[in-house]
Every structure is written in structure tokens, then in C-alpha cells.
Amino acid sequence: MKNINYKLIKLRLENDRKKLEDQLEQLKASRPTRDRREGSPFGKREEEAAETADLENRIALEKRTSEQLAEVERALEKFDNGTYGICENCGKSINPERLEALPQALYCMECNASKARNG
């Protein structure tokens, strides 16, 4: 089995956390305001529909970014309590290649596949 540099992975997770926190802050700061231009009622409806779609996309992006941030923070928590690299479901070691590819992985490949199948 391949040796893994846990210090580099932890540093990567810390950098990811900072990046995700910054992204989330920017997303929240750039939410559209309610200032509307006057114009034809049809243009206004179109504009409102576009704003609604934009807001829905922003909210979905904020939600996904928040979820990613939570995964990274959970992995860092596992570093702190000495359980990083151990599957949260079965307790087996997570493959080092998986951790290098996805440092915030909480499950081994088998449990992750099972979780995906079963929802």
C-alpha cells in the first residue's frame, strides 16, 4: 500500500476550507437587491422571472458550497480527534489513493457505493 503524506492532505483541506468560506461569503454578498427598473409590465415580468431563476441558482450554489465546507470541516475534525482516514460506516481504513483524490472522504469505496445505491 502506498504511503500517504497526511500533513499535505491536512494543508490541502485547510486551503479548501478557506477557499470555500471565501466563495460562500462572495455568494452571500452578491445576492441581488430588490431595486427594480420601471418599464413595460411584460419586461418587468421577464426581469422578475430572470431574477427568480438567478436567485434559485445562487441559493443552490450556496447550499452546495455550504455542504462542501461542512465535509471539509468534518475531515479536519477527524484529523483533530485522530480518526482521519477511517470509514465512518464500517471503521475500516479508507484507501490512501481515495484520500489523496478526495481528502474530505468520510467513507471507504465500498460503503460509499452502498450509500449511493441505497440513498
PDB file of N, CA and C in Angstrom:
ATOM      1  N   MET A   1       0.848  -1.192   0.000  1.00  0.00           N
ATOM      2  CA  MET A   1       0.000   0.000   0.000  1.00  0.00           C
ATOM      3  C   MET A   1       0.888   1.248   0.000  1.00  0.00           C
ATOM      4  N   LYS A   2       0.431   2.245  -0.671  1.00  0.00           N
ATOM      5  CA  LYS A   2       1.153   3.498  -0.863  1.00  0.00           C
ATOM      6  C   LYS A   2       1.217   4.333   0.424  1.00  0.00           C
ATOM      7  N   ASN A   3       2.380   4.972   0.658  1.00  0.00           N
ATOM      8  CA  ASN A   3       2.499   5.900   1.780  1.00  0.00           C
ATOM      9  C   ASN A   3       1.750   7.178   1.452  1.00  0.00           C
ATOM     10  N   ILE A   4       1.178   7.782   2.455  1.00  0.00           N
ATOM     11  CA  ILE A   4       0.391   8.991   2.245  1.00  0.00           C
ATOM     12  C   ILE A   4       0.924  10.100   3.152  1.00  0.00           C
ATOM     13  N   ASN A   5       1.032  11.301   2.596  1.00  0.00           N
ATOM     14  CA  ASN A   5       1.525  12.440   3.354  1.00  0.00           C
ATOM     15  C   ASN A   5       0.330  13.163   3.983  1.00  0.00           C
ATOM     16  N   TYR A   6       0.044  12.820   5.240  1.00  0.00           N
ATOM     17  CA  TYR A   6      -1.116  13.384   5.917  1.00  0.00           C
ATOM     18  C   TYR A   6      -0.980  14.884   6.162  1.00  0.00           C
ATOM     19  N   LYS A   7       0.252  15.361   6.338  1.00  0.00           N
ATOM     20  CA  LYS A   7       0.452  16.802   6.546  1.00  0.00           C
ATOM     21  C   LYS A   7       0.021  17.588   5.306  1.00  0.00           C
ATOM     22  N   LEU A   8       0.387  17.059   4.123  1.00  0.00           N
ATOM     23  CA  LEU A   8      -0.022  17.725   2.880  1.00  0.00           C
ATOM     24  C   LEU A   8      -1.531  17.691   2.696  1.00  0.00           C
ATOM     25  N   ILE A   9      -2.145  16.576   3.031  1.00  0.00           N
ATOM     26  CA  ILE A   9      -3.594  16.451   2.896  1.00  0.00           C
ATOM     27  C   ILE A   9      -4.285  17.420   3.852  1.00  0.00           C
ATOM     28  N   LYS A  10      -3.785  17.520   5.076  1.00  0.00           N
ATOM     29  CA  LYS A  10      -4.399  18.448   6.037  1.00  0.00           C
ATOM     30  C   LYS A  10      -4.255  19.892   5.540  1.00  0.00           C
ATOM     31  N   LEU A  11      -3.097  20.223   5.007  1.00  0.00           N
ATOM     32  CA  LEU A  11      -2.880  21.564   4.469  1.00  0.00           C
ATOM     33  C   LEU A  11      -3.845  21.836   3.314  1.00  0.00           C
ATOM     34  N   ARG A  12      -4.028  20.829   2.465  1.00  0.00           N
ATOM     35  CA  ARG A  12      -4.961  20.959   1.343  1.00  0.00           C
ATOM     36  C   ARG A  12      -6.387  21.189   1.836  1.00  0.00           C
ATOM     37  N   LEU A  13      -6.780  20.452   2.873  1.00  0.00           N
ATOM     38  CA  LEU A  13      -8.115  20.623   3.448  1.00  0.00           C
ATOM     39  C   LEU A  13      -8.276  22.026   4.051  1.00  0.00           C
ATOM     40  N   GLU A  14      -7.241  22.507   4.729  1.00  0.00           N
ATOM     41  CA  GLU A  14      -7.301  23.851   5.316  1.00  0.00           C
ATOM     42  C   GLU A  14      -7.416  24.913   4.226  1.00  0.00           C
ATOM     43  N   ASN A  15      -6.675  24.721   3.117  1.00  0.00           N
ATOM     44  CA  ASN A  15      -6.774  25.650   1.983  1.00  0.00           C
ATOM     45  C   ASN A  15      -8.159  25.586   1.346  1.00  0.00           C
ATOM     46  N   ASP A  16      -8.700  24.369   1.208  1.00  0.00           N
ATOM     47  CA  ASP A  16     -10.045  24.199   0.659  1.00  0.00           C
ATOM     48  C   ASP A  16     -11.078  24.894   1.544  1.00  0.00           C
ATOM     49  N   ARG A  17     -10.922  24.766   2.872  1.00  0.00           N
ATOM     50  CA  ARG A  17     -11.857  25.407   3.797  1.00  0.00           C
ATOM     51  C   ARG A  17     -11.858  26.918   3.585  1.00  0.00           C
ATOM     52  N   LYS A  18     -10.673  27.506   3.508  1.00  0.00           N
ATOM     53  CA  LYS A  18     -10.555  28.950   3.317  1.00  0.00           C
ATOM     54  C   LYS A  18     -11.203  29.372   1.994  1.00  0.00           C
ATOM     55  N   LYS A  19     -10.917  28.619   0.929  1.00  0.00           N
ATOM     56  CA  LYS A  19     -11.468  28.923  -0.392  1.00  0.00           C
ATOM     57  C   LYS A  19     -13.001  28.844  -0.378  1.00  0.00           C
ATOM     58  N   LEU A  20     -13.548  27.801   0.250  1.00  0.00           N
ATOM     59  CA  LEU A  20     -14.997  27.624   0.311  1.00  0.00           C
ATOM     60  C   LEU A  20     -15.649  28.704   1.174  1.00  0.00           C
ATOM     61  N   GLU A  21     -14.998  29.071   2.277  1.00  0.00           N
ATOM     62  CA  GLU A  21     -15.524  30.154   3.117  1.00  0.00           C
ATOM     63  C   GLU A  21     -15.572  31.461   2.327  1.00  0.00           C
ATOM     64  N   ASP A  22     -14.510  31.737   1.563  1.00  0.00           N
ATOM     65  CA  ASP A  22     -14.473  32.946   0.737  1.00  0.00           C
ATOM     66  C   ASP A  22     -15.559  32.917  -0.335  1.00  0.00           C
ATOM     67  N   GLN A  23     -15.734  31.767  -0.989  1.00  0.00           N
ATOM     68  CA  GLN A  23     -16.770  31.629  -2.028  1.00  0.00           C
ATOM     69  C   GLN A  23     -18.154  31.879  -1.441  1.00  0.00           C
ATOM     70  N   LEU A  24     -18.409  31.300  -0.277  1.00  0.00           N
ATOM     71  CA  LEU A  24     -19.703  31.447   0.368  1.00  0.00           C
ATOM     72  C   LEU A  24     -19.961  32.914   0.730  1.00  0.00           C
ATOM     73  N   GLU A  25     -18.941  33.571   1.232  1.00  0.00           N
ATOM     74  CA  GLU A  25     -19.045  34.988   1.581  1.00  0.00           C
ATOM     75  C   GLU A  25     -19.362  35.820   0.334  1.00  0.00           C
ATOM     76  N   GLN A  26     -18.672  35.537  -0.770  1.00  0.00           N
ATOM     77  CA  GLN A  26     -18.905  36.268  -2.016  1.00  0.00           C
ATOM     78  C   GLN A  26     -20.318  36.013  -2.550  1.00  0.00           C
ATOM     79  N   LEU A  27     -20.765  34.763  -2.475  1.00  0.00           N
ATOM     80  CA  LEU A  27     -22.113  34.435  -2.938  1.00  0.00           C
ATOM     81  C   LEU A  27     -23.169  35.192  -2.143  1.00  0.00           C
ATOM     82  N   LYS A  28     -22.995  35.223  -0.827  1.00  0.00           N
ATOM     83  CA  LYS A  28     -23.969  35.913   0.018  1.00  0.00           C
ATOM     84  C   LYS A  28     -23.919  37.424  -0.208  1.00  0.00           C
ATOM     85  N   ALA A  29     -22.733  37.958  -0.420  1.00  0.00           N
ATOM     86  CA  ALA A  29     -22.576  39.397  -0.632  1.00  0.00           C
ATOM     87  C   ALA A  29     -23.124  39.837  -1.982  1.00  0.00           C
ATOM     88  N   SER A  30     -23.172  38.932  -2.951  1.00  0.00           N
ATOM     89  CA  SER A  30     -23.596  39.315  -4.297  1.00  0.00           C
ATOM     90  C   SER A  30     -25.058  38.971  -4.585  1.00  0.00           C
ATOM     91  N   ARG A  31     -25.816  38.671  -3.537  1.00  0.00           N
ATOM     92  CA  ARG A  31     -27.250  38.413  -3.741  1.00  0.00           C
ATOM     93  C   ARG A  31     -27.887  39.661  -4.330  1.00  0.00           C
ATOM     94  N   PRO A  32     -28.792  39.469  -5.267  1.00  0.00           N
ATOM     95  CA  PRO A  32     -29.416  40.640  -5.900  1.00  0.00           C
ATOM     96  C   PRO A  32     -30.257  41.434  -4.907  1.00  0.00           C
ATOM     97  N   THR A  33     -30.261  42.745  -5.096  1.00  0.00           N
ATOM     98  CA  THR A  33     -31.102  43.605  -4.273  1.00  0.00           C
ATOM     99  C   THR A  33     -32.465  43.710  -4.928  1.00  0.00           C
ATOM    100  N   ARG A  34     -33.405  44.303  -4.267  1.00  0.00           N
ATOM    101  CA  ARG A  34     -34.770  44.372  -4.783  1.00  0.00           C
ATOM    102  C   ARG A  34     -35.029  45.631  -5.608  1.00  0.00           C
ATOM    103  N   ASP A  35     -34.009  46.372  -6.001  1.00  0.00           N
ATOM    104  CA  ASP A  35     -34.211  47.558  -6.836  1.00  0.00           C
ATOM    105  C   ASP A  35     -34.643  47.116  -8.218  1.00  0.00           C
ATOM    106  N   ARG A  36     -35.773  47.651  -8.675  1.00  0.00           N
ATOM    107  CA  ARG A  36     -36.283  47.290  -9.993  1.00  0.00           C
ATOM    108  C   ARG A  36     -36.415  48.535 -10.847  1.00  0.00           C
ATOM    109  N   ARG A  37     -36.154  48.366 -12.116  1.00  0.00           N
ATOM    110  CA  ARG A  37     -36.340  49.468 -13.061  1.00  0.00           C
ATOM    111  C   ARG A  37     -37.810  49.508 -13.487  1.00  0.00           C
ATOM    112  N   GLU A  38     -38.276  50.695 -13.784  1.00  0.00           N
ATOM    113  CA  GLU A  38     -39.631  50.835 -14.320  1.00  0.00           C
ATOM    114  C   GLU A  38     -39.570  50.576 -15.814  1.00  0.00           C
ATOM    115  N   GLY A  39     -40.594  49.989 -16.331  1.00  0.00           N
ATOM    116  CA  GLY A  39     -40.636  49.701 -17.763  1.00  0.00           C
ATOM    117  C   GLY A  39     -41.970  49.085 -18.094  1.00  0.00           C
ATOM    118  N   SER A  40     -42.030  48.405 -19.189  1.00  0.00           N
ATOM    119  CA  SER A  40     -43.291  47.785 -19.577  1.00  0.00           C
ATOM    120  C   SER A  40     -43.595  46.636 -18.620  1.00  0.00           C
ATOM    121  N   PRO A  41     -44.875  46.341 -18.387  1.00  0.00           N
ATOM    122  CA  PRO A  41     -45.224  45.239 -17.478  1.00  0.00           C
ATOM    123  C   PRO A  41     -44.678  43.901 -17.967  1.00  0.00           C
ATOM    124  N   PHE A  42     -44.559  43.737 -19.294  1.00  0.00           N
ATOM    125  CA  PHE A  42     -44.034  42.473 -19.815  1.00  0.00           C
ATOM    126  C   PHE A  42     -42.552  42.355 -19.509  1.00  0.00           C
ATOM    127  N   GLY A  43     -41.834  43.455 -19.695  1.00  0.00           N
ATOM    128  CA  GLY A  43     -40.402  43.466 -19.396  1.00  0.00           C
ATOM    129  C   GLY A  43     -40.157  43.203 -17.926  1.00  0.00           C
ATOM    130  N   LYS A  44     -41.040  43.763 -17.103  1.00  0.00           N
ATOM    131  CA  LYS A  44     -40.912  43.589 -15.654  1.00  0.00           C
ATOM    132  C   LYS A  44     -41.100  42.114 -15.264  1.00  0.00           C
ATOM    133  N   ARG A  45     -42.103  41.479 -15.861  1.00  0.00           N
ATOM    134  CA  ARG A  45     -42.339  40.055 -15.573  1.00  0.00           C
ATOM    135  C   ARG A  45     -41.151  39.210 -16.021  1.00  0.00           C
ATOM    136  N   GLU A  46     -40.637  39.532 -17.196  1.00  0.00           N
ATOM    137  CA  GLU A  46     -39.469  38.813 -17.713  1.00  0.00           C
ATOM    138  C   GLU A  46     -38.280  39.009 -16.787  1.00  0.00           C
ATOM    139  N   GLU A  47     -38.097  40.257 -16.364  1.00  0.00           N
ATOM    140  CA  GLU A  47     -36.989  40.578 -15.456  1.00  0.00           C
ATOM    141  C   GLU A  47     -37.150  39.844 -14.130  1.00  0.00           C
ATOM    142  N   GLU A  48     -38.386  39.814 -13.607  1.00  0.00           N
ATOM    143  CA  GLU A  48     -38.647  39.109 -12.355  1.00  0.00           C
ATOM    144  C   GLU A  48     -38.376  37.614 -12.502  1.00  0.00           C
ATOM    145  N   ALA A  49     -38.761  37.040 -13.630  1.00  0.00           N
ATOM    146  CA  ALA A  49     -38.519  35.611 -13.877  1.00  0.00           C
ATOM    147  C   ALA A  49     -37.016  35.336 -13.936  1.00  0.00           C
ATOM    148  N   ALA A  50     -36.292  36.221 -14.602  1.00  0.00           N
ATOM    149  CA  ALA A  50     -34.835  36.053 -14.692  1.00  0.00           C
ATOM    150  C   ALA A  50     -34.193  36.194 -13.315  1.00  0.00           C
ATOM    151  N   GLU A  51     -34.690  37.172 -12.526  1.00  0.00           N
ATOM    152  CA  GLU A  51     -34.152  37.358 -11.166  1.00  0.00           C
ATOM    153  C   GLU A  51     -34.443  36.147 -10.294  1.00  0.00           C
ATOM    154  N   THR A  52     -35.647  35.595 -10.435  1.00  0.00           N
ATOM    155  CA  THR A  52     -36.024  34.417  -9.654  1.00  0.00           C
ATOM    156  C   THR A  52     -35.134  33.231 -10.015  1.00  0.00           C
ATOM    157  N   ALA A  53     -34.922  33.014 -11.299  1.00  0.00           N
ATOM    158  CA  ALA A  53     -34.058  31.913 -11.745  1.00  0.00           C
ATOM    159  C   ALA A  53     -32.636  32.122 -11.235  1.00  0.00           C
ATOM    160  N   ASP A  54     -32.152  33.368 -11.311  1.00  0.00           N
ATOM    161  CA  ASP A  54     -30.807  33.682 -10.834  1.00  0.00           C
ATOM    162  C   ASP A  54     -30.701  33.426  -9.332  1.00  0.00           C
ATOM    163  N   LEU A  55     -31.716  33.839  -8.590  1.00  0.00           N
ATOM    164  CA  LEU A  55     -31.718  33.644  -7.144  1.00  0.00           C
ATOM    165  C   LEU A  55     -31.745  32.152  -6.805  1.00  0.00           C
ATOM    166  N   GLU A  56     -32.557  31.380  -7.523  1.00  0.00           N
ATOM    167  CA  GLU A  56     -32.612  29.932  -7.287  1.00  0.00           C
ATOM    168  C   GLU A  56     -31.256  29.288  -7.553  1.00  0.00           C
ATOM    169  N   ASN A  57     -30.585  29.713  -8.615  1.00  0.00           N
ATOM    170  CA  ASN A  57     -29.250  29.183  -8.926  1.00  0.00           C
ATOM    171  C   ASN A  57     -28.255  29.557  -7.841  1.00  0.00           C
ATOM    172  N   ARG A  58     -28.315  30.795  -7.377  1.00  0.00           N
ATOM    173  CA  ARG A  58     -27.410  31.246  -6.309  1.00  0.00           C
ATOM    174  C   ARG A  58     -27.647  30.462  -5.021  1.00  0.00           C
ATOM    175  N   ILE A  59     -28.920  30.258  -4.687  1.00  0.00           N
ATOM    176  CA  ILE A  59     -29.251  29.518  -3.468  1.00  0.00           C
ATOM    177  C   ILE A  59     -28.743  28.078  -3.572  1.00  0.00           C
ATOM    178  N   ALA A  60     -28.926  27.457  -4.737  1.00  0.00           N
ATOM    179  CA  ALA A  60     -28.433  26.087  -4.945  1.00  0.00           C
ATOM    180  C   ALA A  60     -26.913  26.043  -4.833  1.00  0.00           C
ATOM    181  N   LEU A  61     -26.243  27.045  -5.396  1.00  0.00           N
ATOM    182  CA  LEU A  61     -24.782  27.105  -5.327  1.00  0.00           C
ATOM    183  C   LEU A  61     -24.315  27.342  -3.895  1.00  0.00           C
ATOM    184  N   GLU A  62     -25.016  28.217  -3.168  1.00  0.00           N
ATOM    185  CA  GLU A  62     -24.690  28.452  -1.755  1.00  0.00           C
ATOM    186  C   GLU A  62     -24.854  27.170  -0.948  1.00  0.00           C
ATOM    187  N   LYS A  63     -25.942  26.445  -1.216  1.00  0.00           N
ATOM    188  CA  LYS A  63     -26.212  25.196  -0.487  1.00  0.00           C
ATOM    189  C   LYS A  63     -25.100  24.177  -0.756  1.00  0.00           C
ATOM    190  N   ARG A  64     -24.727  24.021  -2.015  1.00  0.00           N
ATOM    191  CA  ARG A  64     -23.671  23.049  -2.357  1.00  0.00           C
ATOM    192  C   ARG A  64     -22.343  23.472  -1.757  1.00  0.00           C
ATOM    193  N   THR A  65     -22.035  24.758  -1.799  1.00  0.00           N
ATOM    194  CA  THR A  65     -20.782  25.254  -1.222  1.00  0.00           C
ATOM    195  C   THR A  65     -20.778  25.021   0.289  1.00  0.00           C
ATOM    196  N   SER A  66     -21.915  25.256   0.939  1.00  0.00           N
ATOM    197  CA  SER A  66     -22.034  25.007   2.385  1.00  0.00           C
ATOM    198  C   SER A  66     -21.833  23.530   2.712  1.00  0.00           C
ATOM    199  N   GLU A  67     -22.410  22.664   1.863  1.00  0.00           N
ATOM    200  CA  GLU A  67     -22.247  21.218   2.070  1.00  0.00           C
ATOM    201  C   GLU A  67     -20.788  20.809   1.911  1.00  0.00           C
ATOM    202  N   GLN A  68     -20.115  21.351   0.887  1.00  0.00           N
ATOM    203  CA  GLN A  68     -18.697  21.042   0.672  1.00  0.00           C
ATOM    204  C   GLN A  68     -17.870  21.528   1.861  1.00  0.00           C
ATOM    205  N   LEU A  69     -18.182  22.719   2.352  1.00  0.00           N
ATOM    206  CA  LEU A  69     -17.474  23.272   3.503  1.00  0.00           C
ATOM    207  C   LEU A  69     -17.668  22.378   4.726  1.00  0.00           C
ATOM    208  N   ALA A  70     -18.886  21.899   4.929  1.00  0.00           N
ATOM    209  CA  ALA A  70     -19.163  21.006   6.063  1.00  0.00           C
ATOM    210  C   ALA A  70     -18.363  19.708   5.943  1.00  0.00           C
ATOM    211  N   GLU A  71     -18.232  19.162   4.737  1.00  0.00           N
ATOM    212  CA  GLU A  71     -17.453  17.935   4.519  1.00  0.00           C
ATOM    213  C   GLU A  71     -15.980  18.173   4.849  1.00  0.00           C
ATOM    214  N   VAL A  72     -15.448  19.299   4.410  1.00  0.00           N
ATOM    215  CA  VAL A  72     -14.039  19.630   4.673  1.00  0.00           C
ATOM    216  C   VAL A  72     -13.826  19.829   6.176  1.00  0.00           C
ATOM    217  N   GLU A  73     -14.753  20.550   6.823  1.00  0.00           N
ATOM    218  CA  GLU A  73     -14.626  20.769   8.269  1.00  0.00           C
ATOM    219  C   GLU A  73     -14.720  19.459   9.039  1.00  0.00           C
ATOM    220  N   ARG A  74     -15.570  18.545   8.574  1.00  0.00           N
ATOM    221  CA  ARG A  74     -15.698  17.228   9.215  1.00  0.00           C
ATOM    222  C   ARG A  74     -14.383  16.447   9.083  1.00  0.00           C
ATOM    223  N   ALA A  75     -13.769  16.507   7.919  1.00  0.00           N
ATOM    224  CA  ALA A  75     -12.485  15.812   7.722  1.00  0.00           C
ATOM    225  C   ALA A  75     -11.410  16.414   8.633  1.00  0.00           C
ATOM    226  N   LEU A  76     -11.382  17.733   8.755  1.00  0.00           N
ATOM    227  CA  LEU A  76     -10.406  18.385   9.640  1.00  0.00           C
ATOM    228  C   LEU A  76     -10.659  18.022  11.106  1.00  0.00           C
ATOM    229  N   GLU A  77     -11.929  17.891  11.461  1.00  0.00           N
ATOM    230  CA  GLU A  77     -12.307  17.458  12.804  1.00  0.00           C
ATOM    231  C   GLU A  77     -11.755  16.049  13.067  1.00  0.00           C
ATOM    232  N   LYS A  78     -11.871  15.190  12.050  1.00  0.00           N
ATOM    233  CA  LYS A  78     -11.364  13.818  12.177  1.00  0.00           C
ATOM    234  C   LYS A  78      -9.838  13.820  12.357  1.00  0.00           C
ATOM    235  N   PHE A  79      -9.155  14.768  11.692  1.00  0.00           N
ATOM    236  CA  PHE A  79      -7.712  14.906  11.902  1.00  0.00           C
ATOM    237  C   PHE A  79      -7.449  15.211  13.370  1.00  0.00           C
ATOM    238  N   ASP A  80      -8.203  16.166  13.904  1.00  0.00           N
ATOM    239  CA  ASP A  80      -8.006  16.606  15.288  1.00  0.00           C
ATOM    240  C   ASP A  80      -8.281  15.511  16.307  1.00  0.00           C
ATOM    241  N   ASN A  81      -9.268  14.656  16.031  1.00  0.00           N
ATOM    242  CA  ASN A  81      -9.569  13.610  17.017  1.00  0.00           C
ATOM    243  C   ASN A  81      -8.926  12.258  16.684  1.00  0.00           C
ATOM    244  N   GLY A  82      -8.042  12.249  15.667  1.00  0.00           N
ATOM    245  CA  GLY A  82      -7.260  11.050  15.373  1.00  0.00           C
ATOM    246  C   GLY A  82      -7.994   9.962  14.600  1.00  0.00           C
ATOM    247  N   THR A  83      -9.115  10.306  13.963  1.00  0.00           N
ATOM    248  CA  THR A  83      -9.860   9.286  13.222  1.00  0.00           C
ATOM    249  C   THR A  83      -9.846   9.532  11.716  1.00  0.00           C
ATOM    250  N   TYR A  84      -8.994  10.433  11.251  1.00  0.00           N
ATOM    251  CA  TYR A  84      -8.937  10.711   9.813  1.00  0.00           C
ATOM    252  C   TYR A  84      -8.486   9.452   9.078  1.00  0.00           C
ATOM    253  N   GLY A  85      -9.153   9.169   7.953  1.00  0.00           N
ATOM    254  CA  GLY A  85      -8.789   8.015   7.135  1.00  0.00           C
ATOM    255  C   GLY A  85      -9.505   6.740   7.536  1.00  0.00           C
ATOM    256  N   ILE A  86     -10.412   6.854   8.507  1.00  0.00           N
ATOM    257  CA  ILE A  86     -11.178   5.691   8.949  1.00  0.00           C
ATOM    258  C   ILE A  86     -12.635   5.895   8.520  1.00  0.00           C
ATOM    259  N   CYS A  87     -13.193   4.884   7.855  1.00  0.00           N
ATOM    260  CA  CYS A  87     -14.567   4.955   7.356  1.00  0.00           C
ATOM    261  C   CYS A  87     -15.542   5.160   8.514  1.00  0.00           C
ATOM    262  N   GLU A  88     -16.435   6.126   8.347  1.00  0.00           N
ATOM    263  CA  GLU A  88     -17.422   6.407   9.390  1.00  0.00           C
ATOM    264  C   GLU A  88     -18.502   5.339   9.476  1.00  0.00           C
ATOM    265  N   ASN A  89     -18.592   4.504   8.458  1.00  0.00           N
ATOM    266  CA  ASN A  89     -19.630   3.481   8.452  1.00  0.00           C
ATOM    267  C   ASN A  89     -19.122   2.147   8.997  1.00  0.00           C
ATOM    268  N   CYS A  90     -18.029   1.634   8.423  1.00  0.00           N
ATOM    269  CA  CYS A  90     -17.572   0.286   8.794  1.00  0.00           C
ATOM    270  C   CYS A  90     -16.335   0.281   9.693  1.00  0.00           C
ATOM    271  N   GLY A  91     -15.651   1.429   9.807  1.00  0.00           N
ATOM    272  CA  GLY A  91     -14.484   1.510  10.674  1.00  0.00           C
ATOM    273  C   GLY A  91     -13.185   1.030  10.050  1.00  0.00           C
ATOM    274  N   LYS A  92     -13.229   0.616   8.776  1.00  0.00           N
ATOM    275  CA  LYS A  92     -12.010   0.188   8.087  1.00  0.00           C
ATOM    276  C   LYS A  92     -11.256   1.413   7.580  1.00  0.00           C
ATOM    277  N   SER A  93      -9.986   1.199   7.243  1.00  0.00           N
ATOM    278  CA  SER A  93      -9.180   2.282   6.684  1.00  0.00           C
ATOM    279  C   SER A  93      -9.669   2.630   5.280  1.00  0.00           C
ATOM    280  N   ILE A  94      -9.681   3.936   5.002  1.00  0.00           N
ATOM    281  CA  ILE A  94     -10.030   4.399   3.664  1.00  0.00           C
ATOM    282  C   ILE A  94      -8.768   4.322   2.817  1.00  0.00           C
ATOM    283  N   ASN A  95      -8.887   3.818   1.610  1.00  0.00           N
ATOM    284  CA  ASN A  95      -7.757   3.656   0.694  1.00  0.00           C
ATOM    285  C   ASN A  95      -7.008   4.993   0.541  1.00  0.00           C
ATOM    286  N   PRO A  96      -5.671   4.993   0.700  1.00  0.00           N
ATOM    287  CA  PRO A  96      -4.888   6.234   0.582  1.00  0.00           C
ATOM    288  C   PRO A  96      -5.080   6.960  -0.751  1.00  0.00           C
ATOM    289  N   GLU A  97      -5.244   6.200  -1.838  1.00  0.00           N
ATOM    290  CA  GLU A  97      -5.473   6.841  -3.139  1.00  0.00           C
ATOM    291  C   GLU A  97      -6.785   7.617  -3.137  1.00  0.00           C
ATOM    292  N   ARG A  98      -7.776   7.069  -2.454  1.00  0.00           N
ATOM    293  CA  ARG A  98      -9.064   7.766  -2.346  1.00  0.00           C
ATOM    294  C   ARG A  98      -8.895   9.058  -1.544  1.00  0.00           C
ATOM    295  N   LEU A  99      -8.136   8.995  -0.462  1.00  0.00           N
ATOM    296  CA  LEU A  99      -7.912  10.186   0.365  1.00  0.00           C
ATOM    297  C   LEU A  99      -7.124  11.252  -0.386  1.00  0.00           C
ATOM    298  N   GLU A 100      -6.189  10.823  -1.209  1.00  0.00           N
ATOM    299  CA  GLU A 100      -5.428  11.795  -1.994  1.00  0.00           C
ATOM    300  C   GLU A 100      -6.318  12.456  -3.048  1.00  0.00           C
ATOM    301  N   ALA A 101      -7.219  11.681  -3.627  1.00  0.00           N
ATOM    302  CA  ALA A 101      -8.113  12.215  -4.655  1.00  0.00           C
ATOM    303  C   ALA A 101      -9.245  13.046  -4.038  1.00  0.00           C
ATOM    304  N   LEU A 102      -9.718  12.609  -2.885  1.00  0.00           N
ATOM    305  CA  LEU A 102     -10.843  13.255  -2.216  1.00  0.00           C
ATOM    306  C   LEU A 102     -10.549  13.330  -0.711  1.00  0.00           C
ATOM    307  N   PRO A 103      -9.741  14.311  -0.313  1.00  0.00           N
ATOM    308  CA  PRO A 103      -9.299  14.381   1.088  1.00  0.00           C
ATOM    309  C   PRO A 103     -10.431  14.432   2.113  1.00  0.00           C
ATOM    310  N   GLN A 104     -11.603  14.918   1.704  1.00  0.00           N
ATOM    311  CA  GLN A 104     -12.715  15.012   2.645  1.00  0.00           C
ATOM    312  C   GLN A 104     -13.560  13.742   2.697  1.00  0.00           C
ATOM    313  N   ALA A 105     -13.091  12.669   2.061  1.00  0.00           N
ATOM    314  CA  ALA A 105     -13.836  11.403   2.059  1.00  0.00           C
ATOM    315  C   ALA A 105     -14.057  10.916   3.489  1.00  0.00           C
ATOM    316  N   LEU A 106     -15.295  10.545   3.783  1.00  0.00           N
ATOM    317  CA  LEU A 106     -15.649  10.045   5.112  1.00  0.00           C
ATOM    318  C   LEU A 106     -15.903   8.537   5.103  1.00  0.00           C
ATOM    319  N   TYR A 107     -16.047   7.978   3.874  1.00  0.00           N
ATOM    320  CA  TYR A 107     -16.380   6.563   3.740  1.00  0.00           C
ATOM    321  C   TYR A 107     -15.405   5.864   2.796  1.00  0.00           C
ATOM    322  N   CYS A 108     -15.185   4.571   3.042  1.00  0.00           N
ATOM    323  CA  CYS A 108     -14.391   3.768   2.118  1.00  0.00           C
ATOM    324  C   CYS A 108     -15.209   3.595   0.829  1.00  0.00           C
ATOM    325  N   MET A 109     -14.577   3.104  -0.212  1.00  0.00           N
ATOM    326  CA  MET A 109     -15.251   2.950  -1.509  1.00  0.00           C
ATOM    327  C   MET A 109     -16.494   2.049  -1.404  1.00  0.00           C
ATOM    328  N   GLU A 110     -16.376   0.948  -0.667  1.00  0.00           N
ATOM    329  CA  GLU A 110     -17.485   0.006  -0.565  1.00  0.00           C
ATOM    330  C   GLU A 110     -18.687   0.652   0.120  1.00  0.00           C
ATOM    331  N   CYS A 111     -18.450   1.320   1.248  1.00  0.00           N
ATOM    332  CA  CYS A 111     -19.555   1.961   1.977  1.00  0.00           C
ATOM    333  C   CYS A 111     -20.121   3.136   1.187  1.00  0.00           C
ATOM    334  N   ASN A 112     -19.252   3.858   0.491  1.00  0.00           N
ATOM    335  CA  ASN A 112     -19.711   4.992  -0.323  1.00  0.00           C
ATOM    336  C   ASN A 112     -20.616   4.501  -1.458  1.00  0.00           C
ATOM    337  N   ALA A 113     -20.223   3.394  -2.096  1.00  0.00           N
ATOM    338  CA  ALA A 113     -21.029   2.822  -3.177  1.00  0.00           C
ATOM    339  C   ALA A 113     -22.354   2.326  -2.637  1.00  0.00           C
ATOM    340  N   SER A 114     -22.325   1.682  -1.483  1.00  0.00           N
ATOM    341  CA  SER A 114     -23.539   1.167  -0.854  1.00  0.00           C
ATOM    342  C   SER A 114     -24.462   2.320  -0.478  1.00  0.00           C
ATOM    343  N   LYS A 115     -23.872   3.384   0.064  1.00  0.00           N
ATOM    344  CA  LYS A 115     -24.649   4.568   0.456  1.00  0.00           C
ATOM    345  C   LYS A 115     -25.298   5.204  -0.766  1.00  0.00           C
ATOM    346  N   ALA A 116     -24.561   5.274  -1.878  1.00  0.00           N
ATOM    347  CA  ALA A 116     -25.084   5.862  -3.113  1.00  0.00           C
ATOM    348  C   ALA A 116     -26.246   5.026  -3.668  1.00  0.00           C
ATOM    349  N   ARG A 117     -26.105   3.714  -3.610  1.00  0.00           N
ATOM    350  CA  ARG A 117     -27.173   2.816  -4.102  1.00  0.00           C
ATOM    351  C   ARG A 117     -28.429   2.927  -3.262  1.00  0.00           C
ATOM    352  N   ASN A 118     -28.250   3.014  -1.955  1.00  0.00           N
ATOM    353  CA  ASN A 118     -29.391   2.992  -1.037  1.00  0.00           C
ATOM    354  C   ASN A 118     -29.939   4.379  -0.691  1.00  0.00           C
ATOM    355  N   GLY A 119     -29.258   5.404  -1.210  1.00  0.00           N
ATOM    356  CA  GLY A 119     -29.747   6.766  -0.991  1.00  0.00           C
ATOM    357  C   GLY A 119     -29.444   7.267   0.304  1.00  0.00           C
TER     358      GLY A 119
END
